Amino acid sequence: MEQTPKHNTESMKRANEISIYKLMTLGVLVSVLGVFLRFAGDNTTLSIVSWAILFIGAFIACKGVFKILAA
């Protein structure tokens, strides 16, 4: 007996929301900006700001992942 996959469950609908993927894309782009700034110059202030931007981007991307997992 073959089981048919259930693609219309509530968790699948939530995982396929476009807004979640936009949030994760925004997080990745902000993280890429932070990495670029990290290697752009050799200034202490720029280094600290770039690390902060990198962690903010990673936090945004993780927030999108946890929304998919409904945690």
C-alpha atoms as a PDB file:
ATOM      1  CA  MET A   1       0.000   0.000   0.000  1.00  0.00           C
ATOM      2  CA  GLU A   2       1.541   3.281  -1.124  1.00  0.00           C
ATOM      3  CA  GLN A   3       1.142   6.361   1.019  1.00  0.00           C
ATOM      4  CA  THR A   4       0.526   9.659  -0.708  1.00  0.00           C
ATOM      5  CA  PRO A   5       2.497  12.639   0.618  1.00  0.00           C
ATOM      6  CA  LYS A   6       0.498  15.348   2.314  1.00  0.00           C
ATOM      7  CA  HIS A   7       1.602  18.600   0.694  1.00  0.00           C
ATOM      8  CA  ASN A   8      -1.259  20.749   1.937  1.00  0.00           C
ATOM      9  CA  THR A   9      -0.524  20.582   5.628  1.00  0.00           C
ATOM     10  CA  GLU A  10      -0.345  23.746   7.699  1.00  0.00           C
ATOM     11  CA  SER A  11       3.422  23.438   8.183  1.00  0.00           C
ATOM     12  CA  MET A  12       4.008  23.089   4.423  1.00  0.00           C
ATOM     13  CA  LYS A  13       1.886  26.158   3.712  1.00  0.00           C
ATOM     14  CA  ARG A  14       3.810  28.148   6.313  1.00  0.00           C
ATOM     15  CA  ALA A  15       7.155  26.922   4.952  1.00  0.00           C
ATOM     16  CA  ASN A  16       6.230  28.071   1.444  1.00  0.00           C
ATOM     17  CA  GLU A  17       5.342  31.657   2.367  1.00  0.00           C
ATOM     18  CA  ILE A  18       7.195  34.133   0.181  1.00  0.00           C
ATOM     19  CA  SER A  19       7.751  36.556   3.060  1.00  0.00           C
ATOM     20  CA  ILE A  20       9.937  34.034   4.883  1.00  0.00           C
ATOM     21  CA  TYR A  21      12.196  33.616   1.878  1.00  0.00           C
ATOM     22  CA  LYS A  22      12.388  37.377   1.414  1.00  0.00           C
ATOM     23  CA  LEU A  23      13.472  37.664   5.057  1.00  0.00           C
ATOM     24  CA  MET A  24      16.154  35.002   4.610  1.00  0.00           C
ATOM     25  CA  THR A  25      17.390  36.648   1.398  1.00  0.00           C
ATOM     26  CA  LEU A  26      17.605  39.990   3.186  1.00  0.00           C
ATOM     27  CA  GLY A  27      19.600  38.349   5.969  1.00  0.00           C
ATOM     28  CA  VAL A  28      22.029  36.781   3.507  1.00  0.00           C
ATOM     29  CA  LEU A  29      22.503  40.069   1.636  1.00  0.00           C
ATOM     30  CA  VAL A  30      23.161  41.982   4.867  1.00  0.00           C
ATOM     31  CA  SER A  31      25.645  39.289   5.897  1.00  0.00           C
ATOM     32  CA  VAL A  32      27.433  39.530   2.548  1.00  0.00           C
ATOM     33  CA  LEU A  33      27.683  43.292   3.030  1.00  0.00           C
ATOM     34  CA  GLY A  34      29.196  42.707   6.472  1.00  0.00           C
ATOM     35  CA  VAL A  35      31.750  40.263   5.059  1.00  0.00           C
ATOM     36  CA  PHE A  36      32.651  42.681   2.267  1.00  0.00           C
ATOM     37  CA  LEU A  37      33.158  45.531   4.724  1.00  0.00           C
ATOM     38  CA  ARG A  38      35.203  43.230   6.943  1.00  0.00           C
ATOM     39  CA  PHE A  39      37.813  42.869   4.216  1.00  0.00           C
ATOM     40  CA  ALA A  40      37.390  46.308   2.620  1.00  0.00           C
ATOM     41  CA  GLY A  41      39.701  48.202   4.903  1.00  0.00           C
ATOM     42  CA  ASP A  42      42.054  47.986   7.835  1.00  0.00           C
ATOM     43  CA  ASN A  43      40.347  50.320  10.254  1.00  0.00           C
ATOM     44  CA  THR A  44      39.307  49.348  13.776  1.00  0.00           C
ATOM     45  CA  THR A  45      36.011  51.220  13.619  1.00  0.00           C
ATOM     46  CA  LEU A  46      35.142  49.753  10.220  1.00  0.00           C
ATOM     47  CA  SER A  47      36.035  46.302  11.493  1.00  0.00           C
ATOM     48  CA  ILE A  48      33.719  46.603  14.504  1.00  0.00           C
ATOM     49  CA  VAL A  49      30.866  47.975  12.381  1.00  0.00           C
ATOM     50  CA  SER A  50      31.329  45.227   9.799  1.00  0.00           C
ATOM     51  CA  TRP A  51      31.218  42.522  12.479  1.00  0.00           C
ATOM     52  CA  ALA A  52      28.020  44.050  13.842  1.00  0.00           C
ATOM     53  CA  ILE A  53      26.448  44.119  10.359  1.00  0.00           C
ATOM     54  CA  LEU A  54      27.514  40.518   9.788  1.00  0.00           C
ATOM     55  CA  PHE A  55      25.914  39.323  13.025  1.00  0.00           C
ATOM     56  CA  ILE A  56      22.730  41.293  12.368  1.00  0.00           C
ATOM     57  CA  GLY A  57      22.468  39.663   8.936  1.00  0.00           C
ATOM     58  CA  ALA A  58      23.050  36.213  10.398  1.00  0.00           C
ATOM     59  CA  PHE A  59      20.390  36.883  13.038  1.00  0.00           C
ATOM     60  CA  ILE A  60      17.874  37.942  10.368  1.00  0.00           C
ATOM     61  CA  ALA A  61      18.592  34.834   8.288  1.00  0.00           C
ATOM     62  CA  CYS A  62      18.261  32.549  11.322  1.00  0.00           C
ATOM     63  CA  LYS A  63      14.993  34.250  12.217  1.00  0.00           C
ATOM     64  CA  GLY A  64      13.639  33.241   8.797  1.00  0.00           C
ATOM     65  CA  VAL A  65      14.786  29.651   9.268  1.00  0.00           C
ATOM     66  CA  PHE A  66      13.133  29.441  12.679  1.00  0.00           C
ATOM     67  CA  LYS A  67       9.909  30.836  11.202  1.00  0.00           C
ATOM     68  CA  ILE A  68       9.893  27.915   8.783  1.00  0.00           C
ATOM     69  CA  LEU A  69      10.435  25.517  11.655  1.00  0.00           C
ATOM     70  CA  ALA A  70       7.747  27.350  13.675  1.00  0.00           C
ATOM     71  CA  ALA A  71       9.974  27.517  16.702  1.00  0.00           C
END
